[in-house]
Amino acid sequence: MSNTTTVTMDELLAASDIQQLKTGDVVEGVISSIRKHEIWIDLGARGVGIVMRREIGNGQVLEVGAPIVTSVVDPEMDEGYALLSMRRAVKDRGWDELQRLFETQEIVEITPYDANRGGLLVEIEGIRGFLPVSQLAAGHYPRVSGADKDEILQKLNQLLGKGLRVRVLDVSRKDNKLIFSEKEAVKDDMQSRFSELKVGDVVEGVITGVIDFGAFVNVDGIEGLIHISEISWERVEDPREYVKSGQAVKAKIIAIDKDRLSLSLKQTTEDPWLQEVKAFKKGDTVEGKVTRITPFGAFVQLSPSVEALVHVSEMTDEDSADPEQIFKLNEKKNFKVLEIDTDGRKIALSLKDAKKPAKKTPKE
């Protein structure tokens, strides 16, 4: 009778080239069964594994017979199978890929799935990240008056589901931190576009925000600002009465800063002041409407585009005068033209010398 030798499974595994599973291993297998609460994975000679529903990655397509990559959570449960995770496997590979993207500064496209007042929430390679408001490009930056947080959030919500081209700004698997920047992704293109622009050029853009001191303009991805003083040749009290968000405009470049254009809307049209001022001559007595009263004098509108100054010394023959006692807003009075400075766009008036009949001026 021949001798028989009993060989244990551990000894068989040790004698073969099959490596035993360890926690954290990334293993390949084939989906053998899809059930309501779990997915069963055939790992070949390495046995059988199970993935619970909560460990399945978002958007993962599952089919029986399909190959799949998982991460080992527990190499051997009491029942003999391995506990696996698809989500962890995706994350393990995702962190490596994101580290590579950070090092190479490659541009990728992300799609925000949610927003808060600080920025946009995204998920890529199974890992959640953040795109701060400060890292949005000019065309997407929420320009609002007074930094209204609710209005900022409203504008950020308009970017949800929209593809954005970004670069990885910061990545740390240890700290579970992933930050993106859209500004960095467009920086190279912006620099080449900046090199093609010069002061004096007239460019086309779209108003992205209107605030108290002016309007922001997106010029082919470059941010521009039209200051309130450059919106119209008229005196502008509220920019919102002249431009609105989404409006297409043509503007003249009056300065180029490091990453922003200073633009003028009014300089794309002829200055009406230069035409209207021809109606006045030194020594004329004219009628004007008081528009502003200050301690040093009063501003008087002579025509729709021409405003002049009555200095406090030209109000009365007395040693001292109080402009607020002499004038009322919007009242009309006669004045004498003392000086006209065409280059400086200034006209000096005198109230005390106005004795001649008023000269008729252009209607407002």
Protein backbone atom coordinates (compact mmCIF):
# COMPACT_ATOMS: atom_id res chain seq x y z
CA MET A 1 0.00 0.00 0.00
CA SER A 2 1.42 3.40 -1.05
CA ASN A 3 2.02 6.16 1.39
CA THR A 4 -0.18 9.24 1.01
CA THR A 5 0.82 12.75 2.01
CA THR A 6 -1.66 15.37 3.14
CA VAL A 7 -0.90 18.86 1.69
CA THR A 8 -2.56 21.92 3.14
CA MET A 9 -3.89 24.81 1.02
CA ASP A 10 -1.28 27.16 2.58
CA GLU A 11 1.48 24.79 1.47
CA LEU A 12 0.03 24.63 -2.04
CA LEU A 13 -0.08 28.41 -2.23
CA ALA A 14 3.43 28.69 -0.89
CA ALA A 15 4.70 26.22 -3.51
CA SER A 16 3.03 28.06 -6.37
CA ASP A 17 3.70 31.45 -7.95
CA ILE A 18 0.32 32.74 -6.77
CA GLN A 19 0.72 35.63 -4.38
CA GLN A 20 -1.66 35.78 -1.48
CA LEU A 21 -3.91 38.81 -1.25
CA LYS A 22 -2.96 41.64 1.09
CA THR A 23 -4.94 44.64 2.28
CA GLY A 24 -4.41 47.50 -0.13
CA ASP A 25 -3.54 45.32 -3.12
CA VAL A 26 -5.04 46.36 -6.44
CA VAL A 27 -6.27 43.23 -8.23
CA GLU A 28 -7.96 42.45 -11.52
CA GLY A 29 -10.90 40.12 -11.88
CA VAL A 30 -14.07 39.38 -13.81
CA ILE A 31 -17.62 40.13 -12.67
CA SER A 32 -19.30 36.76 -12.08
CA SER A 33 -22.58 37.90 -10.50
CA ILE A 34 -24.47 41.15 -9.96
CA ARG A 35 -26.91 41.16 -7.06
CA LYS A 36 -28.98 43.78 -5.29
CA HIS A 37 -26.52 44.56 -2.53
CA GLU A 38 -23.21 43.20 -3.80
CA ILE A 39 -21.12 42.30 -6.82
CA TRP A 40 -19.21 39.00 -6.95
CA ILE A 41 -15.78 38.99 -8.56
CA ASP A 42 -13.88 35.97 -9.91
CA LEU A 43 -10.19 36.50 -9.08
CA GLY A 44 -9.06 33.30 -10.82
CA ALA A 45 -6.51 31.31 -8.84
CA ARG A 46 -6.63 33.95 -6.11
CA GLY A 47 -10.19 33.03 -5.23
CA VAL A 48 -13.43 34.99 -5.08
CA GLY A 49 -14.13 38.53 -3.91
CA ILE A 50 -17.18 40.59 -3.11
CA VAL A 51 -17.83 44.31 -3.59
CA MET A 52 -20.60 45.86 -1.51
CA ARG A 53 -22.83 48.39 -3.28
CA ARG A 54 -21.50 51.33 -1.24
CA GLU A 55 -17.99 50.57 -2.56
CA ILE A 56 -18.94 50.85 -6.23
CA GLY A 57 -17.61 53.94 -7.97
CA ASN A 58 -19.94 56.62 -9.32
CA GLY A 59 -21.00 56.08 -12.91
CA GLN A 60 -19.38 52.63 -13.10
CA VAL A 61 -20.92 50.41 -15.81
CA LEU A 62 -21.38 46.84 -14.51
CA GLU A 63 -21.87 43.74 -16.67
CA VAL A 64 -21.41 40.04 -15.94
CA GLY A 65 -18.21 38.86 -17.61
CA ALA A 66 -16.69 42.35 -17.73
CA PRO A 67 -13.13 42.81 -16.42
CA ILE A 68 -12.79 45.00 -13.35
CA VAL A 69 -10.07 46.44 -11.14
CA THR A 70 -10.61 46.46 -7.36
CA SER A 71 -8.72 47.18 -4.15
CA VAL A 72 -8.47 44.63 -1.33
CA VAL A 73 -10.14 45.78 1.91
CA ASP A 74 -9.92 42.44 3.76
CA PRO A 75 -8.01 39.53 2.10
CA GLU A 76 -10.04 36.79 3.83
CA MET A 77 -13.42 37.10 5.48
CA ASP A 78 -14.82 34.36 7.74
CA GLU A 79 -16.76 32.99 4.80
CA GLY A 80 -13.53 32.57 2.83
CA TYR A 81 -13.91 35.29 0.22
CA ALA A 82 -12.05 38.61 -0.06
CA LEU A 83 -13.77 41.93 0.65
CA LEU A 84 -13.03 44.30 -2.22
CA SER A 85 -13.68 47.94 -3.12
CA MET A 86 -14.05 49.44 -6.57
CA ARG A 87 -14.17 52.97 -5.16
CA ARG A 88 -10.81 52.62 -3.42
CA ALA A 89 -9.20 51.12 -6.50
CA VAL A 90 -10.39 54.06 -8.57
CA LYS A 91 -9.06 56.47 -5.95
CA ASP A 92 -5.71 54.72 -5.73
CA ARG A 93 -5.20 55.02 -9.45
CA GLY A 94 -6.78 58.49 -9.43
CA TRP A 95 -4.31 59.97 -6.96
CA ASP A 96 -1.41 58.67 -9.07
CA GLU A 97 -2.93 60.18 -12.22
CA LEU A 98 -3.64 63.52 -10.52
CA GLN A 99 -0.10 63.68 -9.20
CA ARG A 100 1.11 63.14 -12.77
CA LEU A 101 -1.22 65.89 -14.06
CA PHE A 102 0.12 68.24 -11.38
CA GLU A 103 3.74 67.54 -12.25
CA THR A 104 3.23 67.85 -16.01
CA GLN A 105 0.74 70.77 -15.67
CA GLU A 106 -1.43 69.08 -18.27
CA ILE A 107 -4.79 70.71 -18.98
CA VAL A 108 -7.86 68.56 -18.26
CA GLU A 109 -11.60 69.11 -18.45
CA ILE A 110 -13.75 68.89 -15.34
CA THR A 111 -17.50 69.21 -14.80
CA PRO A 112 -18.69 70.83 -11.53
CA TYR A 113 -21.47 68.91 -9.78
CA ASP A 114 -22.17 71.40 -6.96
CA ALA A 115 -21.26 74.89 -5.74
CA ASN A 116 -20.89 76.85 -2.54
CA ARG A 117 -20.08 80.50 -1.94
CA GLY A 118 -16.36 79.76 -2.11
CA GLY A 119 -16.28 77.93 -5.43
CA LEU A 120 -17.16 74.79 -7.38
CA LEU A 121 -17.11 71.14 -6.30
CA VAL A 122 -15.85 68.61 -8.83
CA GLU A 123 -15.01 64.90 -9.06
CA ILE A 124 -12.31 63.45 -11.30
CA GLU A 125 -10.70 60.02 -11.30
CA GLY A 126 -13.01 59.09 -8.41
CA ILE A 127 -11.62 61.90 -6.22
CA ARG A 128 -13.44 65.03 -5.16
CA GLY A 129 -11.76 68.37 -5.63
CA PHE A 130 -12.43 72.09 -5.44
CA LEU A 131 -12.17 75.02 -7.85
CA PRO A 132 -12.07 78.26 -5.79
CA VAL A 133 -13.82 81.38 -7.07
CA SER A 134 -10.45 83.16 -7.16
CA GLN A 135 -9.16 80.58 -9.67
CA LEU A 136 -11.95 81.05 -12.22
CA ALA A 137 -11.05 82.63 -15.56
CA ALA A 138 -12.36 86.09 -16.48
CA GLY A 139 -15.30 84.75 -18.46
CA HIS A 140 -16.65 82.77 -15.51
CA TYR A 141 -15.68 84.96 -12.54
CA PRO A 142 -18.87 86.14 -10.76
CA ARG A 143 -18.64 89.92 -10.83
CA VAL A 144 -21.24 91.27 -8.39
CA SER A 145 -21.67 94.51 -6.46
CA GLY A 146 -20.65 94.50 -2.83
CA ALA A 147 -19.46 90.88 -3.03
CA ASP A 148 -23.04 89.68 -2.40
CA LYS A 149 -22.54 86.01 -1.44
CA ASP A 150 -26.01 84.90 -2.51
CA GLU A 151 -25.54 86.52 -5.92
CA ILE A 152 -22.10 84.91 -6.23
CA LEU A 153 -23.62 81.49 -5.50
CA GLN A 154 -26.35 82.11 -8.05
CA LYS A 155 -23.76 82.83 -10.75
CA LEU A 156 -21.67 79.80 -9.73
CA ASN A 157 -24.72 77.54 -10.02
CA GLN A 158 -24.92 78.52 -13.69
CA LEU A 159 -21.61 76.69 -14.24
CA LEU A 160 -22.85 73.33 -12.91
CA GLY A 161 -22.68 70.58 -15.52
CA LYS A 162 -20.53 72.75 -17.77
CA GLY A 163 -17.12 71.50 -18.91
CA LEU A 164 -14.23 73.67 -17.69
CA ARG A 165 -10.60 73.38 -18.79
CA VAL A 166 -8.31 73.49 -15.75
CA ARG A 167 -4.90 72.64 -14.37
CA VAL A 168 -4.21 70.94 -11.03
CA LEU A 169 -3.07 73.74 -8.71
CA ASP A 170 -2.42 71.60 -5.61
CA VAL A 171 -2.72 67.89 -4.85
CA SER A 172 -2.05 65.96 -1.64
CA ARG A 173 -3.23 62.40 -1.11
CA LYS A 174 -2.10 62.56 2.52
CA ASP A 175 -4.25 65.63 3.24
CA ASN A 176 -7.01 64.52 0.84
CA LYS A 177 -6.63 67.86 -0.94
CA LEU A 178 -7.24 68.55 -4.62
CA ILE A 179 -7.41 72.13 -5.93
CA PHE A 180 -7.96 73.18 -9.56
CA SER A 181 -7.36 76.46 -11.41
CA GLU A 182 -9.06 77.63 -14.58
CA LYS A 183 -6.90 80.78 -14.61
CA GLU A 184 -3.73 78.69 -14.89
CA ALA A 185 -5.20 76.70 -17.78
CA VAL A 186 -5.83 79.82 -19.88
CA LYS A 187 -2.69 81.68 -18.79
CA ASP A 188 -0.57 80.65 -21.78
CA ASP A 189 -3.29 81.57 -24.27
CA MET A 190 -3.85 84.88 -22.49
CA GLN A 191 -0.16 85.80 -22.70
CA SER A 192 -0.10 85.19 -26.44
CA ARG A 193 -3.28 87.24 -26.85
CA PHE A 194 -1.87 90.04 -24.70
CA SER A 195 1.17 90.22 -26.97
CA GLU A 196 -1.12 90.88 -29.93
CA LEU A 197 -2.92 93.80 -28.24
CA LYS A 198 -1.80 97.40 -27.89
CA VAL A 199 -3.11 100.64 -26.45
CA GLY A 200 -5.44 102.29 -28.92
CA ASP A 201 -6.90 99.04 -30.28
CA VAL A 202 -10.67 98.74 -30.42
CA VAL A 203 -11.74 95.28 -29.23
CA GLU A 204 -15.02 93.40 -28.94
CA GLY A 205 -16.14 91.90 -25.65
CA VAL A 206 -19.07 90.91 -23.47
CA ILE A 207 -20.04 92.61 -20.20
CA THR A 208 -19.63 90.06 -17.39
CA GLY A 209 -20.58 92.27 -14.45
CA VAL A 210 -21.71 95.80 -13.65
CA ILE A 211 -20.73 97.34 -10.32
CA ASP A 212 -20.83 100.78 -8.73
CA PHE A 213 -17.49 101.94 -10.16
CA GLY A 214 -17.73 100.46 -13.64
CA ALA A 215 -18.18 97.32 -15.72
CA PHE A 216 -16.10 94.18 -16.30
CA VAL A 217 -15.67 92.89 -19.84
CA ASN A 218 -14.55 89.50 -21.16
CA VAL A 219 -12.38 90.12 -24.22
CA ASP A 220 -11.73 86.67 -25.70
CA GLY A 221 -10.84 85.29 -22.27
CA ILE A 222 -8.99 88.39 -21.08
CA GLU A 223 -10.55 90.51 -18.35
CA GLY A 224 -11.11 94.18 -19.01
CA LEU A 225 -12.50 96.99 -16.86
CA ILE A 226 -14.42 100.01 -18.05
CA HIS A 227 -14.19 102.56 -15.25
CA ILE A 228 -17.32 104.62 -14.59
CA SER A 229 -15.52 107.68 -15.98
CA GLU A 230 -14.96 105.88 -19.31
CA ILE A 231 -18.51 104.64 -19.90
CA SER A 232 -20.00 107.78 -21.42
CA TRP A 233 -19.08 111.37 -22.24
CA GLU A 234 -22.02 112.29 -20.03
CA ARG A 235 -21.69 112.30 -16.25
CA VAL A 236 -22.50 108.74 -15.17
CA GLU A 237 -24.03 108.26 -11.73
CA ASP A 238 -25.01 104.60 -12.14
CA PRO A 239 -23.23 102.38 -14.72
CA ARG A 240 -26.26 100.06 -14.77
CA GLU A 241 -28.19 102.73 -16.66
CA TYR A 242 -25.71 102.44 -19.55
CA VAL A 243 -24.60 98.79 -19.74
CA LYS A 244 -25.83 95.40 -18.54
CA SER A 245 -24.40 91.89 -18.07
CA GLY A 246 -24.34 89.83 -21.25
CA GLN A 247 -24.25 92.91 -23.49
CA ALA A 248 -21.77 92.83 -26.41
CA VAL A 249 -19.68 96.01 -26.63
CA LYS A 250 -16.82 97.56 -28.57
CA ALA A 251 -14.27 99.35 -26.42
CA LYS A 252 -10.92 101.07 -26.84
CA ILE A 253 -7.84 99.85 -24.94
CA ILE A 254 -6.47 102.77 -22.92
CA ALA A 255 -4.01 100.78 -20.75
CA ILE A 256 -2.64 97.24 -20.47
CA ASP A 257 -1.85 95.93 -17.00
CA LYS A 258 -0.29 92.57 -16.08
CA ASP A 259 -3.45 90.54 -16.51
CA ARG A 260 -6.17 93.07 -17.24
CA LEU A 261 -7.14 95.62 -19.85
CA SER A 262 -8.31 99.12 -19.04
CA LEU A 263 -11.02 99.96 -21.55
CA SER A 264 -13.04 102.96 -22.65
CA LEU A 265 -16.51 102.81 -24.11
CA LYS A 266 -16.85 106.55 -24.65
CA GLN A 267 -13.61 106.92 -26.61
CA THR A 268 -15.05 104.81 -29.43
CA THR A 269 -17.31 107.77 -30.26
CA GLU A 270 -16.60 111.44 -30.93
CA ASP A 271 -16.47 113.67 -27.88
CA PRO A 272 -19.66 115.79 -28.03
CA TRP A 273 -18.05 118.26 -25.59
CA LEU A 274 -15.73 119.48 -28.33
CA GLN A 275 -18.69 120.28 -30.56
CA GLU A 276 -20.98 121.79 -27.93
CA VAL A 277 -18.28 123.99 -26.39
CA LYS A 278 -18.07 125.90 -29.70
CA ALA A 279 -21.37 127.56 -28.76
CA PHE A 280 -19.64 129.47 -25.93
CA LYS A 281 -17.06 132.26 -25.95
CA LYS A 282 -15.13 134.08 -23.29
CA GLY A 283 -17.21 137.00 -22.00
CA ASP A 284 -20.57 135.48 -22.93
CA THR A 285 -23.41 135.53 -20.45
CA VAL A 286 -25.03 132.10 -20.43
CA GLU A 287 -27.75 130.24 -18.59
CA GLY A 288 -26.88 127.03 -16.72
CA LYS A 289 -28.33 124.52 -14.27
CA VAL A 290 -26.61 123.78 -10.95
CA THR A 291 -25.75 120.04 -10.80
CA ARG A 292 -23.38 119.82 -7.81
CA ILE A 293 -22.54 122.04 -4.84
CA THR A 294 -19.20 121.72 -3.02
CA PRO A 295 -17.37 123.81 -0.40
CA PHE A 296 -15.09 125.27 -3.10
CA GLY A 297 -17.78 126.05 -5.65
CA ALA A 298 -20.62 124.76 -7.80
CA PHE A 299 -20.78 122.78 -11.04
CA VAL A 300 -23.11 124.09 -13.69
CA GLN A 301 -24.42 122.27 -16.76
CA LEU A 302 -24.43 124.53 -19.82
CA SER A 303 -25.41 121.87 -22.38
CA PRO A 304 -25.93 118.08 -22.34
CA SER A 305 -22.16 117.40 -22.40
CA VAL A 306 -20.61 120.65 -21.17
CA GLU A 307 -20.20 121.32 -17.46
CA ALA A 308 -18.47 124.34 -15.95
CA LEU A 309 -17.27 125.46 -12.52
CA VAL A 310 -18.20 128.56 -10.56
CA HIS A 311 -15.45 128.99 -7.97
CA VAL A 312 -16.50 130.26 -4.54
CA SER A 313 -14.52 133.45 -5.20
CA GLU A 314 -16.72 134.18 -8.23
CA MET A 315 -20.04 133.95 -6.42
CA THR A 316 -20.24 137.33 -4.63
CA ASP A 317 -18.11 140.39 -3.99
CA GLU A 318 -18.07 139.55 -0.30
CA ASP A 319 -14.91 138.18 1.34
CA SER A 320 -16.54 134.85 2.10
CA ALA A 321 -19.45 132.96 0.60
CA ASP A 322 -21.29 129.75 1.37
CA PRO A 323 -22.16 127.92 -1.90
CA GLU A 324 -25.03 126.07 -0.21
CA GLN A 325 -26.62 129.40 0.78
CA ILE A 326 -26.27 130.82 -2.72
CA PHE A 327 -27.28 127.81 -4.85
CA LYS A 328 -29.90 125.10 -4.89
CA LEU A 329 -29.57 121.90 -6.86
CA ASN A 330 -31.17 121.97 -10.35
CA GLU A 331 -31.91 125.70 -10.21
CA LYS A 332 -31.01 127.81 -13.26
CA LYS A 333 -29.00 131.03 -13.14
CA ASN A 334 -27.11 133.33 -15.47
CA PHE A 335 -23.29 133.25 -15.47
CA LYS A 336 -20.44 134.98 -17.29
CA VAL A 337 -17.85 132.84 -19.10
CA LEU A 338 -14.40 133.74 -17.70
CA GLU A 339 -12.16 131.12 -19.36
CA ILE A 340 -12.48 128.19 -21.78
CA ASP A 341 -9.69 125.58 -21.67
CA THR A 342 -10.40 123.25 -24.59
CA ASP A 343 -7.40 120.97 -23.99
CA GLY A 344 -8.23 120.58 -20.30
CA ARG A 345 -11.98 120.41 -20.95
CA LYS A 346 -12.59 123.13 -18.37
CA ILE A 347 -14.78 126.24 -18.30
CA ALA A 348 -14.66 128.84 -15.53
CA LEU A 349 -17.81 130.88 -14.77
CA SER A 350 -18.65 133.90 -12.66
CA LEU A 351 -21.96 134.56 -10.98
CA LYS A 352 -21.12 138.02 -9.70
CA ASP A 353 -20.12 139.30 -13.17
CA ALA A 354 -23.24 138.01 -14.92
CA LYS A 355 -25.11 141.23 -15.71
CA LYS A 356 -25.78 140.91 -19.41
CA PRO A 357 -28.88 139.17 -20.82
CA ALA A 358 -28.50 135.42 -20.99
CA LYS A 359 -27.39 133.87 -24.27
CA LYS A 360 -29.56 131.02 -25.43
CA THR A 361 -27.74 127.69 -25.25
CA PRO A 362 -28.43 124.26 -26.76
CA LYS A 363 -31.43 122.52 -25.30
CA GLU A 364 -30.68 119.61 -22.90
